[in-house]
Amino acid sequence: MSERTATNTRETAETSIECTLAIDGSGDADVDTGIGFFDHMLTSFAKHGLFDLEIDCDGDLEIDDHHTVEDVAIVLGGAFDEALGDRSGIVRYADRQVPLDEAVAGAVVDVSGRPRFYFDGTFSQARIGEFTSDMARHFGESLAMNAGLTVHLEVTGENAHHEVEALFKTLARALDDATRVDERRTGTPSTKGTL
């Protein structure tokens, strides 16, 4: 299997981001976005998906967290898309549920090349430190759109920290499963012959 890695960058008036991703990693992360809780979530995402991830982001946090979270998801999604290449041999579909204390989150993923995103849930608190809770939903959507994924996410709980962390973990586990190479497969996992 060839190395499934990518480096992606984005420079705008709002953010400057560099991201390096190895899909077949060991869960190592070196993340600095300027938002402590978001760094924690991206580190957890890498750990539970067994992705090696480096992200450095300088964003306009004097405004709010929106541009930083959205643009990191855009860049990370692009890195996934590039690292997956033609998606030859991958499992393609996966679903996972992850609990964190009272919270439960679920993810269903199709690494289809056709971006779609659906979300069901509400967050119990509006903010977690400097992180706006609803940005977890927006992160999932921006990642899906830029990685060429169909993603369905859902969450229930009573504590926003637990709800958001469960979402990042379940998405990571589902992506790890769906992007895994199945040695029995040849070519892309589609009757069309392409994704």
C-alpha atoms as a PDB file:
ATOM      1  CA  MET A   1       0.000   0.000   0.000  1.00  0.00           C
ATOM      2  CA  SER A   2       1.360   3.408  -0.926  1.00  0.00           C
ATOM      3  CA  GLU A   3       1.601   6.069   1.743  1.00  0.00           C
ATOM      4  CA  ARG A   4      -1.666   7.917   2.069  1.00  0.00           C
ATOM      5  CA  THR A   5      -0.407  11.316   3.161  1.00  0.00           C
ATOM      6  CA  ALA A   6      -1.049  14.905   2.161  1.00  0.00           C
ATOM      7  CA  THR A   7      -0.043  18.423   3.065  1.00  0.00           C
ATOM      8  CA  ASN A   8      -2.575  21.182   2.489  1.00  0.00           C
ATOM      9  CA  THR A   9      -2.415  24.915   3.110  1.00  0.00           C
ATOM     10  CA  ARG A  10      -4.844  27.834   3.019  1.00  0.00           C
ATOM     11  CA  GLU A  11      -4.077  31.566   3.145  1.00  0.00           C
ATOM     12  CA  THR A  12      -6.883  34.101   3.419  1.00  0.00           C
ATOM     13  CA  ALA A  13      -7.396  37.463   5.074  1.00  0.00           C
ATOM     14  CA  GLU A  14      -8.974  35.509   7.962  1.00  0.00           C
ATOM     15  CA  THR A  15      -6.668  32.518   8.499  1.00  0.00           C
ATOM     16  CA  SER A  16      -3.286  31.045   7.621  1.00  0.00           C
ATOM     17  CA  ILE A  17      -3.253  27.244   7.934  1.00  0.00           C
ATOM     18  CA  GLU A  18      -0.849  24.409   7.249  1.00  0.00           C
ATOM     19  CA  CYS A  19      -1.989  20.808   7.692  1.00  0.00           C
ATOM     20  CA  THR A  20      -0.168  17.512   7.245  1.00  0.00           C
ATOM     21  CA  LEU A  21      -2.158  14.257   7.436  1.00  0.00           C
ATOM     22  CA  ALA A  22      -1.187  10.599   7.363  1.00  0.00           C
ATOM     23  CA  ILE A  23      -4.282   8.398   7.173  1.00  0.00           C
ATOM     24  CA  ASP A  24      -2.384   5.246   8.166  1.00  0.00           C
ATOM     25  CA  GLY A  25      -0.760   6.699  11.248  1.00  0.00           C
ATOM     26  CA  SER A  26      -0.547   5.915  14.933  1.00  0.00           C
ATOM     27  CA  GLY A  27      -2.638   8.757  16.341  1.00  0.00           C
ATOM     28  CA  ASP A  28       0.121  11.323  16.851  1.00  0.00           C
ATOM     29  CA  ALA A  29      -0.974  14.960  16.796  1.00  0.00           C
ATOM     30  CA  ASP A  30       0.731  18.334  16.925  1.00  0.00           C
ATOM     31  CA  VAL A  31      -2.045  20.924  16.796  1.00  0.00           C
ATOM     32  CA  ASP A  32      -2.103  24.671  17.439  1.00  0.00           C
ATOM     33  CA  THR A  33      -5.206  26.615  16.416  1.00  0.00           C
ATOM     34  CA  GLY A  34      -5.236  29.148  19.236  1.00  0.00           C
ATOM     35  CA  ILE A  35      -8.456  27.619  20.629  1.00  0.00           C
ATOM     36  CA  GLY A  36      -7.634  25.259  23.488  1.00  0.00           C
ATOM     37  CA  PHE A  37     -10.764  23.148  23.319  1.00  0.00           C
ATOM     38  CA  PHE A  38     -10.533  22.837  19.509  1.00  0.00           C
ATOM     39  CA  ASP A  39      -6.910  21.696  19.847  1.00  0.00           C
ATOM     40  CA  HIS A  40      -8.129  19.089  22.340  1.00  0.00           C
ATOM     41  CA  MET A  41     -10.810  17.897  19.882  1.00  0.00           C
ATOM     42  CA  LEU A  42      -8.407  17.654  16.927  1.00  0.00           C
ATOM     43  CA  THR A  43      -5.899  15.773  19.073  1.00  0.00           C
ATOM     44  CA  SER A  44      -8.673  13.398  20.153  1.00  0.00           C
ATOM     45  CA  PHE A  45      -9.767  13.046  16.501  1.00  0.00           C
ATOM     46  CA  ALA A  46      -6.226  12.005  15.531  1.00  0.00           C
ATOM     47  CA  LYS A  47      -5.837   9.653  18.499  1.00  0.00           C
ATOM     48  CA  HIS A  48      -9.099   7.779  17.967  1.00  0.00           C
ATOM     49  CA  GLY A  49      -8.853   7.683  14.171  1.00  0.00           C
ATOM     50  CA  LEU A  50      -5.189   6.634  14.268  1.00  0.00           C
ATOM     51  CA  PHE A  51      -4.358   9.543  11.970  1.00  0.00           C
ATOM     52  CA  ASP A  52      -1.060  11.388  12.265  1.00  0.00           C
ATOM     53  CA  LEU A  53      -1.991  15.052  12.171  1.00  0.00           C
ATOM     54  CA  GLU A  54      -0.108  18.334  12.229  1.00  0.00           C
ATOM     55  CA  ILE A  55      -2.096  21.565  12.091  1.00  0.00           C
ATOM     56  CA  ASP A  56      -0.855  25.092  12.589  1.00  0.00           C
ATOM     57  CA  CYS A  57      -3.442  27.857  12.300  1.00  0.00           C
ATOM     58  CA  ASP A  58      -3.157  31.597  12.780  1.00  0.00           C
ATOM     59  CA  GLY A  59      -6.723  32.908  12.692  1.00  0.00           C
ATOM     60  CA  ASP A  60      -8.665  36.077  13.441  1.00  0.00           C
ATOM     61  CA  LEU A  61      -9.654  34.978  16.941  1.00  0.00           C
ATOM     62  CA  GLU A  62     -10.114  38.606  17.930  1.00  0.00           C
ATOM     63  CA  ILE A  63     -13.399  38.323  15.980  1.00  0.00           C
ATOM     64  CA  ASP A  64     -14.531  34.835  17.051  1.00  0.00           C
ATOM     65  CA  ASP A  65     -13.794  31.153  16.479  1.00  0.00           C
ATOM     66  CA  HIS A  66     -15.849  30.673  13.292  1.00  0.00           C
ATOM     67  CA  HIS A  67     -13.213  31.295  10.618  1.00  0.00           C
ATOM     68  CA  THR A  68     -10.575  29.241  12.417  1.00  0.00           C
ATOM     69  CA  VAL A  69     -12.782  26.171  12.932  1.00  0.00           C
ATOM     70  CA  GLU A  70     -14.325  26.345   9.452  1.00  0.00           C
ATOM     71  CA  ASP A  71     -11.044  26.871   7.632  1.00  0.00           C
ATOM     72  CA  VAL A  72      -9.236  24.129   9.560  1.00  0.00           C
ATOM     73  CA  ALA A  73     -12.041  21.750   8.524  1.00  0.00           C
ATOM     74  CA  ILE A  74     -11.717  22.903   4.902  1.00  0.00           C
ATOM     75  CA  VAL A  75      -7.963  22.302   4.905  1.00  0.00           C
ATOM     76  CA  LEU A  76      -8.233  18.960   6.735  1.00  0.00           C
ATOM     77  CA  GLY A  77     -10.983  17.840   4.357  1.00  0.00           C
ATOM     78  CA  GLY A  78      -8.797  18.700   1.379  1.00  0.00           C
ATOM     79  CA  ALA A  79      -5.933  16.732   2.914  1.00  0.00           C
ATOM     80  CA  PHE A  80      -8.183  13.684   3.331  1.00  0.00           C
ATOM     81  CA  ASP A  81      -9.349  13.988  -0.271  1.00  0.00           C
ATOM     82  CA  GLU A  82      -5.787  14.211  -1.584  1.00  0.00           C
ATOM     83  CA  ALA A  83      -4.433  11.431   0.646  1.00  0.00           C
ATOM     84  CA  LEU A  84      -7.242   9.053  -0.378  1.00  0.00           C
ATOM     85  CA  GLY A  85      -6.486   9.514  -4.088  1.00  0.00           C
ATOM     86  CA  ASP A  86      -8.850   7.420  -6.218  1.00  0.00           C
ATOM     87  CA  ARG A  87     -10.041   5.627  -3.040  1.00  0.00           C
ATOM     88  CA  SER A  88      -8.994   2.300  -4.540  1.00  0.00           C
ATOM     89  CA  GLY A  89      -9.455  -0.683  -2.218  1.00  0.00           C
ATOM     90  CA  ILE A  90     -11.069   1.164   0.675  1.00  0.00           C
ATOM     91  CA  VAL A  91     -13.924  -0.227   2.756  1.00  0.00           C
ATOM     92  CA  ARG A  92     -15.912   2.947   1.894  1.00  0.00           C
ATOM     93  CA  TYR A  93     -18.820   2.677   4.389  1.00  0.00           C
ATOM     94  CA  ALA A  94     -18.758   2.748   8.179  1.00  0.00           C
ATOM     95  CA  ASP A  95     -20.890   3.565  11.165  1.00  0.00           C
ATOM     96  CA  ARG A  96     -19.906   4.067  14.789  1.00  0.00           C
ATOM     97  CA  GLN A  97     -21.392   5.131  18.089  1.00  0.00           C
ATOM     98  CA  VAL A  98     -19.281   6.515  20.913  1.00  0.00           C
ATOM     99  CA  PRO A  99     -20.431   7.300  24.462  1.00  0.00           C
ATOM    100  CA  LEU A 100     -18.840   9.806  26.778  1.00  0.00           C
ATOM    101  CA  ASP A 101     -20.482   9.612  30.187  1.00  0.00           C
ATOM    102  CA  GLU A 102     -24.122  10.676  29.613  1.00  0.00           C
ATOM    103  CA  ALA A 103     -23.550  11.727  25.973  1.00  0.00           C
ATOM    104  CA  VAL A 104     -23.790   9.429  22.956  1.00  0.00           C
ATOM    105  CA  ALA A 105     -22.771  10.394  19.429  1.00  0.00           C
ATOM    106  CA  GLY A 106     -23.167   8.457  16.210  1.00  0.00           C
ATOM    107  CA  ALA A 107     -21.568   8.781  12.775  1.00  0.00           C
ATOM    108  CA  VAL A 108     -22.428   7.113   9.479  1.00  0.00           C
ATOM    109  CA  VAL A 109     -19.898   7.732   6.709  1.00  0.00           C
ATOM    110  CA  ASP A 110     -19.702   7.020   2.991  1.00  0.00           C
ATOM    111  CA  VAL A 111     -16.342   7.928   1.433  1.00  0.00           C
ATOM    112  CA  SER A 112     -18.211   8.398  -1.806  1.00  0.00           C
ATOM    113  CA  GLY A 113     -16.708  11.441  -3.460  1.00  0.00           C
ATOM    114  CA  ARG A 114     -20.199  12.964  -3.219  1.00  0.00           C
ATOM    115  CA  PRO A 115     -20.305  15.478  -0.367  1.00  0.00           C
ATOM    116  CA  ARG A 116     -23.456  15.577   1.764  1.00  0.00           C
ATOM    117  CA  PHE A 117     -23.964  16.337   5.442  1.00  0.00           C
ATOM    118  CA  TYR A 118     -26.813  15.731   7.894  1.00  0.00           C
ATOM    119  CA  PHE A 119     -26.937  16.491  11.609  1.00  0.00           C
ATOM    120  CA  ASP A 120     -29.416  15.649  14.356  1.00  0.00           C
ATOM    121  CA  GLY A 121     -28.924  17.002  17.858  1.00  0.00           C
ATOM    122  CA  THR A 122     -28.629  20.075  20.035  1.00  0.00           C
ATOM    123  CA  PHE A 123     -25.865  21.170  22.365  1.00  0.00           C
ATOM    124  CA  SER A 124     -26.625  21.585  26.043  1.00  0.00           C
ATOM    125  CA  GLN A 125     -24.436  24.675  26.461  1.00  0.00           C
ATOM    126  CA  ALA A 126     -23.622  27.338  23.879  1.00  0.00           C
ATOM    127  CA  ARG A 127     -19.893  27.548  24.605  1.00  0.00           C
ATOM    128  CA  ILE A 128     -17.036  25.397  25.839  1.00  0.00           C
ATOM    129  CA  GLY A 129     -14.246  27.778  26.781  1.00  0.00           C
ATOM    130  CA  GLU A 130     -13.498  29.802  23.641  1.00  0.00           C
ATOM    131  CA  PHE A 131     -15.225  27.235  21.388  1.00  0.00           C
ATOM    132  CA  THR A 132     -18.796  27.792  20.190  1.00  0.00           C
ATOM    133  CA  SER A 133     -20.541  24.424  20.579  1.00  0.00           C
ATOM    134  CA  ASP A 134     -22.402  24.610  17.257  1.00  0.00           C
ATOM    135  CA  MET A 135     -19.057  24.895  15.470  1.00  0.00           C
ATOM    136  CA  ALA A 136     -18.741  21.121  16.007  1.00  0.00           C
ATOM    137  CA  ARG A 137     -21.647  20.677  13.590  1.00  0.00           C
ATOM    138  CA  HIS A 138     -20.095  23.174  11.178  1.00  0.00           C
ATOM    139  CA  PHE A 139     -16.713  21.423  11.427  1.00  0.00           C
ATOM    140  CA  GLY A 140     -18.356  18.140  10.376  1.00  0.00           C
ATOM    141  CA  GLU A 141     -20.119  19.808   7.468  1.00  0.00           C
ATOM    142  CA  SER A 142     -17.028  21.639   6.193  1.00  0.00           C
ATOM    143  CA  LEU A 143     -14.920  18.489   6.503  1.00  0.00           C
ATOM    144  CA  ALA A 144     -17.493  16.434   4.576  1.00  0.00           C
ATOM    145  CA  MET A 145     -17.839  19.002   1.791  1.00  0.00           C
ATOM    146  CA  ASN A 146     -14.093  19.246   1.232  1.00  0.00           C
ATOM    147  CA  ALA A 147     -13.174  15.569   1.678  1.00  0.00           C
ATOM    148  CA  GLY A 148     -15.943  14.287  -0.603  1.00  0.00           C
ATOM    149  CA  LEU A 149     -17.800  12.457   2.154  1.00  0.00           C
ATOM    150  CA  THR A 150     -21.430  11.750   2.909  1.00  0.00           C
ATOM    151  CA  VAL A 151     -21.705  12.128   6.687  1.00  0.00           C
ATOM    152  CA  HIS A 152     -24.638  11.707   9.063  1.00  0.00           C
ATOM    153  CA  LEU A 153     -23.955  12.798  12.651  1.00  0.00           C
ATOM    154  CA  GLU A 154     -26.194  12.680  15.702  1.00  0.00           C
ATOM    155  CA  VAL A 155     -25.712  13.437  19.379  1.00  0.00           C
ATOM    156  CA  THR A 156     -27.606  13.451  22.672  1.00  0.00           C
ATOM    157  CA  GLY A 157     -26.430  14.388  26.135  1.00  0.00           C
ATOM    158  CA  GLU A 158     -26.522  16.879  28.971  1.00  0.00           C
ATOM    159  CA  ASN A 159     -23.033  18.404  28.834  1.00  0.00           C
ATOM    160  CA  ALA A 160     -21.736  20.172  25.724  1.00  0.00           C
ATOM    161  CA  HIS A 161     -18.111  19.205  26.392  1.00  0.00           C
ATOM    162  CA  HIS A 162     -19.110  15.536  26.399  1.00  0.00           C
ATOM    163  CA  GLU A 163     -21.417  15.942  23.387  1.00  0.00           C
ATOM    164  CA  VAL A 164     -18.796  17.623  21.201  1.00  0.00           C
ATOM    165  CA  GLU A 165     -16.004  15.294  22.270  1.00  0.00           C
ATOM    166  CA  ALA A 166     -18.156  12.240  21.538  1.00  0.00           C
ATOM    167  CA  LEU A 167     -18.886  13.688  18.065  1.00  0.00           C
ATOM    168  CA  PHE A 168     -15.217  14.153  17.213  1.00  0.00           C
ATOM    169  CA  LYS A 169     -14.378  10.664  18.484  1.00  0.00           C
ATOM    170  CA  THR A 170     -17.202   8.903  16.649  1.00  0.00           C
ATOM    171  CA  LEU A 171     -16.411  10.715  13.399  1.00  0.00           C
ATOM    172  CA  ALA A 172     -12.758   9.726  13.759  1.00  0.00           C
ATOM    173  CA  ARG A 173     -13.592   6.075  14.400  1.00  0.00           C
ATOM    174  CA  ALA A 174     -16.011   5.940  11.461  1.00  0.00           C
ATOM    175  CA  LEU A 175     -13.463   7.562   9.133  1.00  0.00           C
ATOM    176  CA  ASP A 176     -10.773   5.157  10.296  1.00  0.00           C
ATOM    177  CA  ASP A 177     -13.063   2.224   9.471  1.00  0.00           C
ATOM    178  CA  ALA A 178     -14.286   3.605   6.126  1.00  0.00           C
ATOM    179  CA  THR A 179     -10.854   4.617   4.812  1.00  0.00           C
ATOM    180  CA  ARG A 180      -9.221   1.326   5.764  1.00  0.00           C
ATOM    181  CA  VAL A 181      -7.883  -0.708   2.856  1.00  0.00           C
ATOM    182  CA  ASP A 182      -9.568  -4.091   2.357  1.00  0.00           C
ATOM    183  CA  GLU A 183      -6.992  -6.416   0.781  1.00  0.00           C
ATOM    184  CA  ARG A 184      -9.808  -8.398  -0.878  1.00  0.00           C
ATOM    185  CA  ARG A 185     -10.791  -5.416  -2.989  1.00  0.00           C
ATOM    186  CA  THR A 186      -9.294  -4.312  -6.260  1.00  0.00           C
ATOM    187  CA  GLY A 187     -10.160  -0.926  -7.715  1.00  0.00           C
ATOM    188  CA  THR A 188     -12.710   1.476  -6.344  1.00  0.00           C
ATOM    189  CA  PRO A 189     -15.598   0.123  -4.230  1.00  0.00           C
ATOM    190  CA  SER A 190     -18.351   0.977  -6.706  1.00  0.00           C
ATOM    191  CA  THR A 191     -20.200  -0.841  -9.462  1.00  0.00           C
ATOM    192  CA  LYS A 192     -19.597   2.307 -11.569  1.00  0.00           C
ATOM    193  CA  GLY A 193     -15.855   1.657 -11.417  1.00  0.00           C
ATOM    194  CA  THR A 194     -15.196   5.114  -9.993  1.00  0.00           C
ATOM    195  CA  LEU A 195     -16.158   7.284  -7.045  1.00  0.00           C
END
